[in-house]
Amino acid sequence: QVRLVESGGGLVQPGGSLSLSCAASGLTFRLYDMNWYRQAPGKERELVAYIRSVGGITNYADSVKGRFTISRDNAKKTVFLQMNNLKPEDTAVYYCNAVWVGTRGGSDYWGQGTQVTVSS
């Protein structure tokens, strides 16, 4: 059974930092591209950052570039999202997503989400 479990969310003041983690089990983690999405109330889910399984290539939404950093530890089967200089508009539920695309199909898994609230 595949599980993705996010942790590290919480309440932080503007300008503060949070570090999210997503621990995976039940899958060959190193083969999966890992994504962080977020969804704010009344808005669509958006891709925040991704890190590829090959080469560790990363990319970020324009709104978080220079403030967020995604990384992964394949040995620990964990992906991280370091969030600095947080803004109220970063308030959302953050979701971890694992994607694998093979020659005969693929897999797509989601965590349950962790709430991040940026407020004074």
N, C-alpha and C. Protein backbone atom coordinates (compact mmCIF):
# COMPACT_ATOMS: atom_id res chain seq x y z
N GLN A 1 0.84 -1.18 0.00
CA GLN A 1 0.00 0.00 0.00
C GLN A 1 0.88 1.24 0.00
N VAL A 2 0.61 2.13 -0.94
CA VAL A 2 1.39 3.36 -1.04
C VAL A 2 0.83 4.41 -0.10
N ARG A 3 1.72 5.06 0.62
CA ARG A 3 1.33 6.17 1.51
C ARG A 3 2.28 7.33 1.32
N LEU A 4 1.71 8.52 1.27
CA LEU A 4 2.47 9.76 1.31
C LEU A 4 1.94 10.55 2.50
N VAL A 5 2.82 10.86 3.44
CA VAL A 5 2.41 11.54 4.66
C VAL A 5 3.16 12.85 4.80
N GLU A 6 2.42 13.95 4.68
CA GLU A 6 3.01 15.28 4.84
C GLU A 6 3.05 15.68 6.32
N SER A 7 4.02 16.49 6.64
CA SER A 7 4.11 17.06 7.98
C SER A 7 4.84 18.39 7.91
N GLY A 8 4.74 19.16 8.98
CA GLY A 8 5.48 20.41 9.07
C GLY A 8 4.66 21.67 8.88
N GLY A 9 3.39 21.52 8.55
CA GLY A 9 2.56 22.70 8.40
C GLY A 9 2.26 23.36 9.74
N GLY A 10 1.64 24.53 9.66
CA GLY A 10 1.31 25.23 10.89
C GLY A 10 1.03 26.69 10.63
N LEU A 11 1.00 27.46 11.71
CA LEU A 11 0.75 28.89 11.67
C LEU A 11 2.07 29.63 11.82
N VAL A 12 2.31 30.58 10.92
CA VAL A 12 3.55 31.34 10.96
C VAL A 12 3.25 32.78 10.58
N GLN A 13 4.04 33.70 11.10
CA GLN A 13 3.85 35.11 10.78
C GLN A 13 4.45 35.43 9.42
N PRO A 14 3.96 36.47 8.77
CA PRO A 14 4.59 36.88 7.51
C PRO A 14 6.08 37.11 7.69
N GLY A 15 6.84 36.64 6.69
CA GLY A 15 8.29 36.73 6.77
C GLY A 15 8.95 35.53 7.42
N GLY A 16 8.15 34.68 8.02
CA GLY A 16 8.68 33.50 8.68
C GLY A 16 8.96 32.36 7.73
N SER A 17 9.36 31.24 8.32
CA SER A 17 9.74 30.06 7.54
C SER A 17 9.05 28.81 8.09
N LEU A 18 8.83 27.87 7.19
CA LEU A 18 8.35 26.54 7.55
C LEU A 18 9.05 25.53 6.66
N SER A 19 9.21 24.32 7.17
CA SER A 19 9.79 23.25 6.39
C SER A 19 8.81 22.09 6.36
N LEU A 20 8.34 21.76 5.16
CA LEU A 20 7.42 20.65 4.99
C LEU A 20 8.19 19.39 4.61
N SER A 21 7.66 18.26 5.06
CA SER A 21 8.23 16.97 4.69
C SER A 21 7.12 16.07 4.17
N CYS A 22 7.49 15.17 3.30
CA CYS A 22 6.55 14.17 2.79
C CYS A 22 7.28 12.83 2.78
N ALA A 23 6.85 11.95 3.66
CA ALA A 23 7.47 10.64 3.77
C ALA A 23 6.66 9.63 2.97
N ALA A 24 7.35 8.93 2.09
CA ALA A 24 6.69 7.96 1.22
C ALA A 24 6.99 6.54 1.66
N SER A 25 6.04 5.66 1.43
CA SER A 25 6.23 4.24 1.68
C SER A 25 5.42 3.45 0.67
N GLY A 26 5.87 2.22 0.44
CA GLY A 26 5.12 1.36 -0.47
C GLY A 26 5.40 1.58 -1.93
N LEU A 27 6.41 2.37 -2.27
CA LEU A 27 6.76 2.60 -3.66
C LEU A 27 8.28 2.73 -3.79
N THR A 28 8.75 2.57 -5.03
CA THR A 28 10.17 2.73 -5.30
C THR A 28 10.43 4.22 -5.50
N PHE A 29 10.68 4.87 -4.41
CA PHE A 29 10.68 6.34 -4.34
C PHE A 29 11.61 6.96 -5.37
N ARG A 30 12.78 6.40 -5.56
CA ARG A 30 13.79 7.03 -6.43
C ARG A 30 13.33 7.13 -7.88
N LEU A 31 12.31 6.35 -8.26
CA LEU A 31 11.83 6.36 -9.64
C LEU A 31 10.76 7.43 -9.88
N TYR A 32 10.29 8.04 -8.82
CA TYR A 32 9.16 8.95 -8.91
C TYR A 32 9.59 10.41 -8.97
N ASP A 33 8.96 11.14 -9.88
CA ASP A 33 9.01 12.59 -9.82
C ASP A 33 8.13 13.03 -8.66
N MET A 34 8.61 14.00 -7.90
CA MET A 34 7.87 14.45 -6.73
C MET A 34 7.46 15.91 -6.89
N ASN A 35 6.22 16.16 -6.55
CA ASN A 35 5.64 17.49 -6.71
C ASN A 35 5.04 17.96 -5.38
N TRP A 36 5.08 19.25 -5.19
CA TRP A 36 4.31 19.90 -4.13
C TRP A 36 3.26 20.78 -4.81
N TYR A 37 2.02 20.57 -4.42
CA TYR A 37 0.91 21.40 -4.86
C TYR A 37 0.35 22.12 -3.64
N ARG A 38 -0.45 23.14 -3.91
CA ARG A 38 -1.20 23.78 -2.84
C ARG A 38 -2.56 24.21 -3.35
N GLN A 39 -3.48 24.29 -2.40
CA GLN A 39 -4.83 24.74 -2.74
C GLN A 39 -5.33 25.67 -1.65
N ALA A 40 -5.61 26.88 -2.04
CA ALA A 40 -6.16 27.87 -1.13
C ALA A 40 -7.68 27.82 -1.22
N PRO A 41 -8.37 28.29 -0.18
CA PRO A 41 -9.84 28.27 -0.20
C PRO A 41 -10.40 29.00 -1.42
N GLY A 42 -11.28 28.33 -2.13
CA GLY A 42 -11.92 28.95 -3.28
C GLY A 42 -11.07 29.01 -4.53
N LYS A 43 -9.89 28.42 -4.48
CA LYS A 43 -9.01 28.46 -5.64
C LYS A 43 -8.68 27.04 -6.11
N GLU A 44 -8.20 26.95 -7.34
CA GLU A 44 -7.80 25.66 -7.88
C GLU A 44 -6.45 25.23 -7.30
N ARG A 45 -6.25 23.93 -7.31
CA ARG A 45 -4.96 23.41 -6.87
C ARG A 45 -3.88 23.84 -7.86
N GLU A 46 -2.76 24.31 -7.34
CA GLU A 46 -1.68 24.76 -8.22
C GLU A 46 -0.37 24.06 -7.88
N LEU A 47 0.45 23.86 -8.91
CA LEU A 47 1.76 23.26 -8.73
C LEU A 47 2.71 24.31 -8.18
N VAL A 48 3.33 23.99 -7.06
CA VAL A 48 4.26 24.91 -6.41
C VAL A 48 5.70 24.64 -6.84
N ALA A 49 6.07 23.35 -6.82
CA ALA A 49 7.45 22.98 -7.15
C ALA A 49 7.51 21.51 -7.49
N TYR A 50 8.50 21.15 -8.30
CA TYR A 50 8.72 19.73 -8.56
C TYR A 50 10.21 19.44 -8.56
N ILE A 51 10.50 18.16 -8.33
CA ILE A 51 11.86 17.66 -8.43
C ILE A 51 11.82 16.32 -9.15
N ARG A 52 12.57 16.22 -10.22
CA ARG A 52 12.53 15.03 -11.05
C ARG A 52 13.34 13.90 -10.43
N SER A 53 12.95 12.68 -10.83
CA SER A 53 13.66 11.50 -10.33
C SER A 53 15.05 11.40 -10.95
N VAL A 54 15.19 11.89 -12.17
CA VAL A 54 16.46 11.82 -12.88
C VAL A 54 17.13 13.19 -12.84
N GLY A 55 18.30 13.21 -12.29
CA GLY A 55 19.07 14.45 -12.28
C GLY A 55 18.68 15.46 -11.23
N GLY A 56 17.60 15.18 -10.52
CA GLY A 56 17.19 16.11 -9.47
C GLY A 56 16.79 17.48 -9.99
N ILE A 57 16.33 17.51 -11.24
CA ILE A 57 15.93 18.79 -11.83
C ILE A 57 14.74 19.36 -11.07
N THR A 58 14.80 20.65 -10.79
CA THR A 58 13.74 21.31 -10.04
C THR A 58 13.15 22.46 -10.83
N ASN A 59 11.93 22.81 -10.47
CA ASN A 59 11.30 23.98 -11.05
C ASN A 59 10.26 24.49 -10.06
N TYR A 60 9.95 25.79 -10.18
CA TYR A 60 9.08 26.44 -9.20
C TYR A 60 8.06 27.33 -9.90
N ALA A 61 6.94 27.48 -9.23
CA ALA A 61 5.98 28.48 -9.67
C ALA A 61 6.62 29.86 -9.50
N ASP A 62 6.27 30.77 -10.39
CA ASP A 62 6.85 32.12 -10.32
C ASP A 62 6.60 32.78 -8.96
N SER A 63 5.46 32.47 -8.37
CA SER A 63 5.08 33.12 -7.11
C SER A 63 5.96 32.72 -5.94
N VAL A 64 6.71 31.62 -6.07
CA VAL A 64 7.53 31.15 -4.94
C VAL A 64 9.02 31.12 -5.26
N LYS A 65 9.39 31.44 -6.49
CA LYS A 65 10.81 31.41 -6.87
C LYS A 65 11.62 32.32 -5.97
N GLY A 66 12.75 31.79 -5.52
CA GLY A 66 13.63 32.56 -4.65
C GLY A 66 13.26 32.48 -3.19
N ARG A 67 12.10 31.91 -2.89
CA ARG A 67 11.66 31.78 -1.49
C ARG A 67 11.52 30.33 -1.05
N PHE A 68 11.12 29.45 -1.97
CA PHE A 68 10.91 28.04 -1.64
C PHE A 68 12.01 27.20 -2.28
N THR A 69 12.36 26.11 -1.60
CA THR A 69 13.33 25.17 -2.14
C THR A 69 12.83 23.75 -1.94
N ILE A 70 12.79 22.99 -3.02
CA ILE A 70 12.38 21.59 -2.94
C ILE A 70 13.64 20.73 -2.99
N SER A 71 13.63 19.65 -2.23
CA SER A 71 14.75 18.71 -2.23
C SER A 71 14.22 17.33 -1.90
N ARG A 72 15.06 16.33 -2.11
CA ARG A 72 14.63 14.96 -1.82
C ARG A 72 15.80 14.16 -1.26
N ASP A 73 15.43 13.16 -0.45
CA ASP A 73 16.40 12.22 0.09
C ASP A 73 15.89 10.84 -0.28
N ASN A 74 16.46 10.25 -1.31
CA ASN A 74 15.97 8.97 -1.79
C ASN A 74 16.18 7.86 -0.77
N ALA A 75 17.23 7.94 0.01
CA ALA A 75 17.49 6.92 1.02
C ALA A 75 16.41 6.93 2.09
N LYS A 76 15.91 8.11 2.42
CA LYS A 76 14.87 8.23 3.43
C LYS A 76 13.47 8.26 2.82
N LYS A 77 13.40 8.20 1.49
CA LYS A 77 12.11 8.24 0.79
C LYS A 77 11.29 9.45 1.21
N THR A 78 11.93 10.59 1.21
CA THR A 78 11.29 11.81 1.69
C THR A 78 11.59 12.97 0.75
N VAL A 79 10.57 13.79 0.54
CA VAL A 79 10.75 15.03 -0.20
C VAL A 79 10.44 16.19 0.75
N PHE A 80 11.17 17.28 0.55
CA PHE A 80 11.07 18.42 1.45
C PHE A 80 10.68 19.67 0.67
N LEU A 81 10.07 20.60 1.38
CA LEU A 81 9.81 21.92 0.82
C LEU A 81 10.15 22.94 1.89
N GLN A 82 11.28 23.62 1.69
CA GLN A 82 11.67 24.69 2.59
C GLN A 82 11.04 25.98 2.11
N MET A 83 10.28 26.62 2.99
CA MET A 83 9.55 27.82 2.62
C MET A 83 10.04 28.98 3.48
N ASN A 84 10.62 29.97 2.84
CA ASN A 84 11.13 31.15 3.54
C ASN A 84 10.38 32.39 3.10
N ASN A 85 10.49 33.43 3.92
CA ASN A 85 9.84 34.71 3.62
C ASN A 85 8.37 34.50 3.23
N LEU A 86 7.68 33.78 4.06
CA LEU A 86 6.29 33.43 3.76
C LEU A 86 5.40 34.66 3.75
N LYS A 87 4.41 34.61 2.87
CA LYS A 87 3.46 35.70 2.69
C LYS A 87 2.05 35.19 2.97
N PRO A 88 1.13 36.08 3.31
CA PRO A 88 -0.25 35.64 3.55
C PRO A 88 -0.83 34.86 2.36
N GLU A 89 -0.45 35.22 1.17
CA GLU A 89 -0.97 34.52 -0.01
C GLU A 89 -0.42 33.11 -0.18
N ASP A 90 0.53 32.72 0.66
CA ASP A 90 1.01 31.34 0.66
C ASP A 90 0.10 30.43 1.49
N THR A 91 -0.86 31.02 2.17
CA THR A 91 -1.80 30.23 2.98
C THR A 91 -2.58 29.27 2.10
N ALA A 92 -2.50 27.99 2.44
CA ALA A 92 -3.15 26.95 1.63
C ALA A 92 -2.92 25.60 2.30
N VAL A 93 -3.61 24.60 1.78
CA VAL A 93 -3.28 23.22 2.11
C VAL A 93 -2.23 22.76 1.10
N TYR A 94 -1.14 22.24 1.60
CA TYR A 94 -0.04 21.79 0.74
C TYR A 94 -0.08 20.27 0.62
N TYR A 95 0.00 19.80 -0.64
CA TYR A 95 -0.09 18.38 -0.93
C TYR A 95 1.18 17.87 -1.60
N CYS A 96 1.56 16.70 -1.20
CA CYS A 96 2.67 15.99 -1.82
C CYS A 96 2.08 15.06 -2.89
N ASN A 97 2.77 14.96 -4.02
CA ASN A 97 2.31 14.15 -5.15
C ASN A 97 3.49 13.39 -5.74
N ALA A 98 3.30 12.11 -5.97
CA ALA A 98 4.34 11.26 -6.56
C ALA A 98 3.84 10.75 -7.90
N VAL A 99 4.65 10.91 -8.93
CA VAL A 99 4.26 10.52 -10.28
C VAL A 99 5.36 9.68 -10.92
N TRP A 100 4.93 8.57 -11.48
CA TRP A 100 5.85 7.73 -12.26
C TRP A 100 5.21 7.40 -13.59
N VAL A 101 5.94 7.60 -14.65
CA VAL A 101 5.44 7.28 -15.98
C VAL A 101 6.36 6.24 -16.59
N GLY A 102 5.80 5.06 -16.85
CA GLY A 102 6.57 3.99 -17.46
C GLY A 102 6.16 3.77 -18.90
N THR A 103 6.74 2.79 -19.51
CA THR A 103 6.45 2.51 -20.92
C THR A 103 5.06 1.89 -21.09
N ARG A 104 4.55 1.31 -20.02
CA ARG A 104 3.24 0.64 -20.13
C ARG A 104 2.20 1.27 -19.23
N GLY A 105 2.42 2.49 -18.82
CA GLY A 105 1.47 3.17 -17.95
C GLY A 105 2.20 3.94 -16.88
N GLY A 106 1.50 4.27 -15.82
CA GLY A 106 2.12 5.06 -14.76
C GLY A 106 1.34 5.00 -13.49
N SER A 107 1.85 5.73 -12.49
CA SER A 107 1.21 5.78 -11.19
C SER A 107 1.21 7.22 -10.70
N ASP A 108 0.20 7.53 -9.91
CA ASP A 108 0.03 8.90 -9.42
C ASP A 108 -0.57 8.81 -8.02
N TYR A 109 0.16 9.30 -7.02
CA TYR A 109 -0.30 9.20 -5.64
C TYR A 109 -0.26 10.56 -4.97
N TRP A 110 -1.18 10.71 -4.00
CA TRP A 110 -1.31 11.98 -3.27
C TRP A 110 -1.30 11.76 -1.77
N GLY A 111 -0.74 12.72 -1.07
CA GLY A 111 -0.86 12.73 0.37
C GLY A 111 -2.16 13.38 0.80
N GLN A 112 -2.36 13.44 2.10
CA GLN A 112 -3.62 13.97 2.64
C GLN A 112 -3.59 15.49 2.81
N GLY A 113 -2.40 16.07 2.70
CA GLY A 113 -2.27 17.52 2.81
C GLY A 113 -1.91 17.99 4.21
N THR A 114 -1.26 19.14 4.24
CA THR A 114 -0.93 19.78 5.51
C THR A 114 -1.22 21.27 5.39
N GLN A 115 -1.85 21.83 6.40
CA GLN A 115 -2.29 23.22 6.36
C GLN A 115 -1.13 24.15 6.69
N VAL A 116 -0.96 25.15 5.86
CA VAL A 116 -0.02 26.24 6.13
C VAL A 116 -0.81 27.54 6.18
N THR A 117 -0.68 28.24 7.29
CA THR A 117 -1.38 29.51 7.48
C THR A 117 -0.36 30.59 7.81
N VAL A 118 -0.37 31.62 6.99
CA VAL A 118 0.56 32.75 7.19
C VAL A 118 -0.28 33.96 7.59
N SER A 119 -0.12 34.36 8.83
CA SER A 119 -0.96 35.43 9.36
C SER A 119 -0.29 36.07 10.57
N SER A 120 -0.54 37.36 10.73
CA SER A 120 -0.03 38.04 11.91
C SER A 120 -1.07 38.08 13.01
